[in-house]
Amino acid sequence: MRVLIADDEAVIRMGLRTMLEDKGHRVVATATDGASAVEMARTEKPEVILLDIKMPGMDGIAAARKIMQERPTPIVMLTAYSQRELVNEAREASVFGYLVKPVKEDLLDATLELAVTRFKEWQKLQRQIHDLNKSLAAREMVEDAKRVLMQKEHLSEQQAFNKIHRASRSRRVTMQQVAQEILNKADQDKKNTK
């Protein structure tokens, strides 16, 4: 895996680099603070990021939030502290793994793999949420268009639905597109009567 390491301690960065490279991973960049980590995540496009929680300037949790907004990537937090509140903050920042320093070599590889697997599951869930939201928006638009047709043309709900469905099939467009046209025409008609 292509890995970005962000830690303000040179000894930790070098140790992690050695462990990762021994396991066949490639360290594409190292950073000493959160702001540099965010920039390197943009430019180097790592497959996984190791971020120290406590760094000067922008800390690891703030950097994780920024990275997840800009370019979602599996992130594993590194810390010398195992405080519950830090773990909770890391989880809220969509972090996918957590290692306490000094990092044990046998835990590092397993944690990276787990983080990548969790990240893929998270991405799948994000796509499902996006698809469901699109589907819900389309359904709401069709419902609004049905109400317009029921009111304007004195149709039953089923008749209004059938009209939208027939137009969709005959023109080979989605019902959402037909609904949007009906709603646009209704808006235009309102403007013209004012």
C-alpha atoms as a PDB file:
ATOM      1  CA  MET A   1       0.000   0.000   0.000  1.00  0.00           C
ATOM      2  CA  ARG A   2       1.018   3.616  -0.589  1.00  0.00           C
ATOM      3  CA  VAL A   3       1.273   5.149   2.889  1.00  0.00           C
ATOM      4  CA  LEU A   4       1.545   8.713   4.215  1.00  0.00           C
ATOM      5  CA  ILE A   5       3.030   9.083   7.708  1.00  0.00           C
ATOM      6  CA  ALA A   6       2.400  12.240   9.761  1.00  0.00           C
ATOM      7  CA  ASP A   7       4.142  12.495  13.119  1.00  0.00           C
ATOM      8  CA  ASP A   8       6.158  15.346  14.641  1.00  0.00           C
ATOM      9  CA  GLU A   9       8.758  12.935  16.058  1.00  0.00           C
ATOM     10  CA  ALA A  10      11.486  11.984  13.544  1.00  0.00           C
ATOM     11  CA  VAL A  11      12.294   8.749  15.403  1.00  0.00           C
ATOM     12  CA  ILE A  12       8.662   7.605  15.137  1.00  0.00           C
ATOM     13  CA  ARG A  13       8.495   8.479  11.416  1.00  0.00           C
ATOM     14  CA  MET A  14      11.709   6.566  10.689  1.00  0.00           C
ATOM     15  CA  GLY A  15      10.599   3.561  12.746  1.00  0.00           C
ATOM     16  CA  LEU A  16       7.218   3.412  11.017  1.00  0.00           C
ATOM     17  CA  ARG A  17       8.846   3.791   7.595  1.00  0.00           C
ATOM     18  CA  THR A  18      11.162   0.857   8.317  1.00  0.00           C
ATOM     19  CA  MET A  19       8.336  -1.350   9.596  1.00  0.00           C
ATOM     20  CA  LEU A  20       6.100  -0.500   6.631  1.00  0.00           C
ATOM     21  CA  GLU A  21       8.800  -1.006   4.018  1.00  0.00           C
ATOM     22  CA  ASP A  22       9.790  -4.318   5.628  1.00  0.00           C
ATOM     23  CA  LYS A  23       6.177  -5.427   5.117  1.00  0.00           C
ATOM     24  CA  GLY A  24       6.291  -4.421   1.434  1.00  0.00           C
ATOM     25  CA  HIS A  25       4.420  -1.109   1.709  1.00  0.00           C
ATOM     26  CA  ARG A  26       5.655   2.107   0.111  1.00  0.00           C
ATOM     27  CA  VAL A  27       5.889   5.312   2.145  1.00  0.00           C
ATOM     28  CA  VAL A  28       5.009   8.039  -0.380  1.00  0.00           C
ATOM     29  CA  ALA A  29       5.489  10.980   2.005  1.00  0.00           C
ATOM     30  CA  THR A  30       6.079  11.995   5.602  1.00  0.00           C
ATOM     31  CA  ALA A  31       4.769  15.087   7.381  1.00  0.00           C
ATOM     32  CA  THR A  32       5.563  16.730  10.700  1.00  0.00           C
ATOM     33  CA  ASP A  33       2.227  18.493  11.227  1.00  0.00           C
ATOM     34  CA  GLY A  34      -1.434  18.252  10.297  1.00  0.00           C
ATOM     35  CA  ALA A  35      -1.441  20.995   7.653  1.00  0.00           C
ATOM     36  CA  SER A  36       1.418  19.306   5.770  1.00  0.00           C
ATOM     37  CA  ALA A  37      -0.392  15.962   6.045  1.00  0.00           C
ATOM     38  CA  VAL A  38      -3.532  17.461   4.472  1.00  0.00           C
ATOM     39  CA  GLU A  39      -1.485  18.919   1.610  1.00  0.00           C
ATOM     40  CA  MET A  40       0.414  15.654   1.050  1.00  0.00           C
ATOM     41  CA  ALA A  41      -2.846  13.688   1.077  1.00  0.00           C
ATOM     42  CA  ARG A  42      -3.962  15.925  -1.819  1.00  0.00           C
ATOM     43  CA  THR A  43      -0.772  15.629  -3.851  1.00  0.00           C
ATOM     44  CA  GLU A  44       0.493  12.105  -3.083  1.00  0.00           C
ATOM     45  CA  LYS A  45      -2.905  10.363  -3.002  1.00  0.00           C
ATOM     46  CA  PRO A  46      -1.920   7.679  -0.468  1.00  0.00           C
ATOM     47  CA  GLU A  47      -3.994   4.531  -0.018  1.00  0.00           C
ATOM     48  CA  VAL A  48      -3.777   4.824   3.771  1.00  0.00           C
ATOM     49  CA  ILE A  49      -2.622   7.538   6.191  1.00  0.00           C
ATOM     50  CA  LEU A  50      -0.995   7.219   9.620  1.00  0.00           C
ATOM     51  CA  LEU A  51      -1.655  10.413  11.623  1.00  0.00           C
ATOM     52  CA  ASP A  52      -0.325  11.297  15.058  1.00  0.00           C
ATOM     53  CA  ILE A  53      -3.027  12.894  17.185  1.00  0.00           C
ATOM     54  CA  LYS A  54      -0.785  15.429  18.934  1.00  0.00           C
ATOM     55  CA  MET A  55       1.123  17.551  16.383  1.00  0.00           C
ATOM     56  CA  PRO A  56       1.988  21.262  16.314  1.00  0.00           C
ATOM     57  CA  GLY A  57      -0.426  23.580  14.530  1.00  0.00           C
ATOM     58  CA  MET A  58      -3.232  21.472  13.125  1.00  0.00           C
ATOM     59  CA  ASP A  59      -3.526  18.291  15.188  1.00  0.00           C
ATOM     60  CA  GLY A  60      -4.190  14.852  13.744  1.00  0.00           C
ATOM     61  CA  ILE A  61      -7.922  14.871  14.424  1.00  0.00           C
ATOM     62  CA  ALA A  62      -8.413  18.223  12.654  1.00  0.00           C
ATOM     63  CA  ALA A  63      -6.245  16.958   9.770  1.00  0.00           C
ATOM     64  CA  ALA A  64      -8.317  13.756   9.583  1.00  0.00           C
ATOM     65  CA  ARG A  65     -11.550  15.779   9.344  1.00  0.00           C
ATOM     66  CA  LYS A  66     -10.099  17.943   6.561  1.00  0.00           C
ATOM     67  CA  ILE A  67      -8.769  14.946   4.619  1.00  0.00           C
ATOM     68  CA  MET A  68     -12.101  13.134   4.889  1.00  0.00           C
ATOM     69  CA  GLN A  69     -13.900  16.231   3.549  1.00  0.00           C
ATOM     70  CA  GLU A  70     -11.529  16.726   0.633  1.00  0.00           C
ATOM     71  CA  ARG A  71     -10.297  13.281  -0.350  1.00  0.00           C
ATOM     72  CA  PRO A  72     -11.653  10.456   1.800  1.00  0.00           C
ATOM     73  CA  THR A  73      -8.852   8.017   2.632  1.00  0.00           C
ATOM     74  CA  PRO A  74      -8.462   5.295   5.280  1.00  0.00           C
ATOM     75  CA  ILE A  75      -6.833   6.939   8.313  1.00  0.00           C
ATOM     76  CA  VAL A  76      -5.184   5.277  11.306  1.00  0.00           C
ATOM     77  CA  MET A  77      -4.510   7.524  14.302  1.00  0.00           C
ATOM     78  CA  LEU A  78      -1.273   7.210  16.274  1.00  0.00           C
ATOM     79  CA  THR A  79      -0.997   8.369  19.851  1.00  0.00           C
ATOM     80  CA  ALA A  80       0.968   7.935  23.022  1.00  0.00           C
ATOM     81  CA  TYR A  81      -2.329   8.361  24.843  1.00  0.00           C
ATOM     82  CA  SER A  82      -5.116   5.816  25.103  1.00  0.00           C
ATOM     83  CA  GLN A  83      -7.615   8.267  26.564  1.00  0.00           C
ATOM     84  CA  ARG A  84     -11.234   7.426  25.811  1.00  0.00           C
ATOM     85  CA  GLU A  85     -12.110  11.000  24.773  1.00  0.00           C
ATOM     86  CA  LEU A  86      -9.380  10.959  22.093  1.00  0.00           C
ATOM     87  CA  VAL A  87     -10.677   7.652  20.759  1.00  0.00           C
ATOM     88  CA  ASN A  88     -14.194   9.144  20.590  1.00  0.00           C
ATOM     89  CA  GLU A  89     -12.933  12.271  18.813  1.00  0.00           C
ATOM     90  CA  ALA A  90     -11.027  10.121  16.330  1.00  0.00           C
ATOM     91  CA  ARG A  91     -14.139   8.027  15.640  1.00  0.00           C
ATOM     92  CA  GLU A  92     -16.205  11.175  15.050  1.00  0.00           C
ATOM     93  CA  ALA A  93     -13.558  12.317  12.537  1.00  0.00           C
ATOM     94  CA  SER A  94     -14.208   9.098  10.540  1.00  0.00           C
ATOM     95  CA  VAL A  95     -10.929   7.471  11.510  1.00  0.00           C
ATOM     96  CA  PHE A  96     -10.740   3.771  10.675  1.00  0.00           C
ATOM     97  CA  GLY A  97      -8.047   2.559  13.062  1.00  0.00           C
ATOM     98  CA  TYR A  98      -6.154   3.510  16.211  1.00  0.00           C
ATOM     99  CA  LEU A  99      -2.652   2.531  17.378  1.00  0.00           C
ATOM    100  CA  VAL A 100      -0.986   3.398  20.681  1.00  0.00           C
ATOM    101  CA  LYS A 101       2.733   4.241  20.561  1.00  0.00           C
ATOM    102  CA  PRO A 102       5.168   2.628  20.635  1.00  0.00           C
ATOM    103  CA  VAL A 103       3.619   0.814  17.664  1.00  0.00           C
ATOM    104  CA  LYS A 104       4.120  -2.936  17.660  1.00  0.00           C
ATOM    105  CA  GLU A 105       5.167  -4.212  14.239  1.00  0.00           C
ATOM    106  CA  ASP A 106       2.766  -7.171  14.316  1.00  0.00           C
ATOM    107  CA  LEU A 107      -0.209  -4.849  14.991  1.00  0.00           C
ATOM    108  CA  LEU A 108       0.697  -2.302  12.310  1.00  0.00           C
ATOM    109  CA  ASP A 109      -0.018  -4.418   9.228  1.00  0.00           C
ATOM    110  CA  ALA A 110      -3.232  -5.878  10.672  1.00  0.00           C
ATOM    111  CA  THR A 111      -4.470  -2.411  11.653  1.00  0.00           C
ATOM    112  CA  LEU A 112      -3.771  -1.018   8.175  1.00  0.00           C
ATOM    113  CA  GLU A 113      -5.639  -3.885   6.529  1.00  0.00           C
ATOM    114  CA  LEU A 114      -8.558  -3.477   8.922  1.00  0.00           C
ATOM    115  CA  ALA A 115      -8.656   0.283   8.284  1.00  0.00           C
ATOM    116  CA  VAL A 116      -8.730  -0.235   4.517  1.00  0.00           C
ATOM    117  CA  THR A 117     -11.487  -2.855   4.840  1.00  0.00           C
ATOM    118  CA  ARG A 118     -13.568  -0.581   7.104  1.00  0.00           C
ATOM    119  CA  PHE A 119     -13.001   2.301   4.714  1.00  0.00           C
ATOM    120  CA  LYS A 120     -14.319   0.267   1.768  1.00  0.00           C
ATOM    121  CA  GLU A 121     -17.408  -0.637   3.807  1.00  0.00           C
ATOM    122  CA  TRP A 122     -17.841   3.040   4.704  1.00  0.00           C
ATOM    123  CA  GLN A 123     -17.566   4.037   1.024  1.00  0.00           C
ATOM    124  CA  LYS A 124     -20.179   1.449   0.092  1.00  0.00           C
ATOM    125  CA  LEU A 125     -22.521   2.825   2.759  1.00  0.00           C
ATOM    126  CA  GLN A 126     -21.909   6.397   1.538  1.00  0.00           C
ATOM    127  CA  ARG A 127     -22.851   5.343  -2.020  1.00  0.00           C
ATOM    128  CA  GLN A 128     -25.990   3.611  -0.733  1.00  0.00           C
ATOM    129  CA  ILE A 129     -26.975   6.725   1.224  1.00  0.00           C
ATOM    130  CA  HIS A 130     -26.374   8.867  -1.867  1.00  0.00           C
ATOM    131  CA  ASP A 131     -28.461   6.511  -4.042  1.00  0.00           C
ATOM    132  CA  LEU A 132     -31.260   6.394  -1.481  1.00  0.00           C
ATOM    133  CA  ASN A 133     -31.309  10.192  -1.222  1.00  0.00           C
ATOM    134  CA  LYS A 134     -31.482  10.484  -5.014  1.00  0.00           C
ATOM    135  CA  SER A 135     -34.266   7.917  -5.123  1.00  0.00           C
ATOM    136  CA  LEU A 136     -36.162   9.706  -2.362  1.00  0.00           C
ATOM    137  CA  ALA A 137     -35.786  13.056  -4.146  1.00  0.00           C
ATOM    138  CA  ALA A 138     -37.058  11.494  -7.387  1.00  0.00           C
ATOM    139  CA  ARG A 139     -40.012   9.931  -5.583  1.00  0.00           C
ATOM    140  CA  GLU A 140     -40.879  13.249  -3.915  1.00  0.00           C
ATOM    141  CA  MET A 141     -40.717  15.024  -7.267  1.00  0.00           C
ATOM    142  CA  VAL A 142     -43.090  12.457  -8.819  1.00  0.00           C
ATOM    143  CA  GLU A 143     -45.446  12.874  -5.840  1.00  0.00           C
ATOM    144  CA  ASP A 144     -45.414  16.671  -6.308  1.00  0.00           C
ATOM    145  CA  ALA A 145     -46.080  16.287 -10.040  1.00  0.00           C
ATOM    146  CA  LYS A 146     -48.953  13.898  -9.315  1.00  0.00           C
ATOM    147  CA  ARG A 147     -50.529  16.503  -7.004  1.00  0.00           C
ATOM    148  CA  VAL A 148     -50.204  19.144  -9.738  1.00  0.00           C
ATOM    149  CA  LEU A 149     -51.904  16.871 -12.290  1.00  0.00           C
ATOM    150  CA  MET A 150     -54.612  15.861  -9.817  1.00  0.00           C
ATOM    151  CA  GLN A 151     -55.378  19.521  -9.124  1.00  0.00           C
ATOM    152  CA  LYS A 152     -55.086  20.913 -12.675  1.00  0.00           C
ATOM    153  CA  GLU A 153     -56.650  18.052 -14.612  1.00  0.00           C
ATOM    154  CA  HIS A 154     -58.946  16.671 -11.895  1.00  0.00           C
ATOM    155  CA  LEU A 155     -57.336  13.232 -12.038  1.00  0.00           C
ATOM    156  CA  SER A 156     -57.246  10.528  -9.387  1.00  0.00           C
ATOM    157  CA  GLU A 157     -53.886   9.749  -7.860  1.00  0.00           C
ATOM    158  CA  GLN A 158     -53.644   6.552  -9.943  1.00  0.00           C
ATOM    159  CA  GLN A 159     -54.573   8.403 -13.147  1.00  0.00           C
ATOM    160  CA  ALA A 160     -51.943  11.079 -12.470  1.00  0.00           C
ATOM    161  CA  PHE A 161     -49.334   8.393 -11.824  1.00  0.00           C
ATOM    162  CA  ASN A 162     -50.315   6.529 -14.997  1.00  0.00           C
ATOM    163  CA  LYS A 163     -50.024   9.721 -17.044  1.00  0.00           C
ATOM    164  CA  ILE A 164     -46.482  10.359 -15.771  1.00  0.00           C
ATOM    165  CA  HIS A 165     -45.557   6.699 -16.261  1.00  0.00           C
ATOM    166  CA  ARG A 166     -46.912   6.588 -19.849  1.00  0.00           C
ATOM    167  CA  ALA A 167     -45.065   9.790 -20.774  1.00  0.00           C
ATOM    168  CA  SER A 168     -41.884   8.376 -19.270  1.00  0.00           C
ATOM    169  CA  ARG A 169     -42.146   5.128 -21.239  1.00  0.00           C
ATOM    170  CA  SER A 170     -43.214   6.644 -24.549  1.00  0.00           C
ATOM    171  CA  ARG A 171     -40.420   9.237 -24.497  1.00  0.00           C
ATOM    172  CA  ARG A 172     -37.869   6.852 -22.912  1.00  0.00           C
ATOM    173  CA  VAL A 173     -36.981   9.237 -20.092  1.00  0.00           C
ATOM    174  CA  THR A 174     -37.203   8.809 -16.343  1.00  0.00           C
ATOM    175  CA  MET A 175     -40.375   9.526 -14.426  1.00  0.00           C
ATOM    176  CA  GLN A 176     -38.356  12.117 -12.538  1.00  0.00           C
ATOM    177  CA  GLN A 177     -37.657  13.994 -15.791  1.00  0.00           C
ATOM    178  CA  VAL A 178     -41.363  13.969 -16.702  1.00  0.00           C
ATOM    179  CA  ALA A 179     -42.237  15.107 -13.178  1.00  0.00           C
ATOM    180  CA  GLN A 180     -39.672  17.925 -13.388  1.00  0.00           C
ATOM    181  CA  GLU A 181     -41.218  19.121 -16.667  1.00  0.00           C
ATOM    182  CA  ILE A 182     -44.710  19.077 -15.126  1.00  0.00           C
ATOM    183  CA  LEU A 183     -43.479  21.068 -12.125  1.00  0.00           C
ATOM    184  CA  ASN A 184     -41.583  23.534 -14.333  1.00  0.00           C
ATOM    185  CA  LYS A 185     -44.697  24.099 -16.469  1.00  0.00           C
ATOM    186  CA  ALA A 186     -46.818  24.597 -13.343  1.00  0.00           C
ATOM    187  CA  ASP A 187     -44.312  27.196 -12.069  1.00  0.00           C
ATOM    188  CA  GLN A 188     -44.309  28.940 -15.440  1.00  0.00           C
ATOM    189  CA  ASP A 189     -48.128  28.968 -15.521  1.00  0.00           C
ATOM    190  CA  LYS A 190     -48.165  30.567 -12.042  1.00  0.00           C
ATOM    191  CA  LYS A 191     -45.758  33.285 -13.166  1.00  0.00           C
ATOM    192  CA  ASN A 192     -47.805  33.981 -16.301  1.00  0.00           C
ATOM    193  CA  THR A 193     -51.041  34.414 -14.336  1.00  0.00           C
ATOM    194  CA  LYS A 194     -49.484  36.986 -11.980  1.00  0.00           C
END
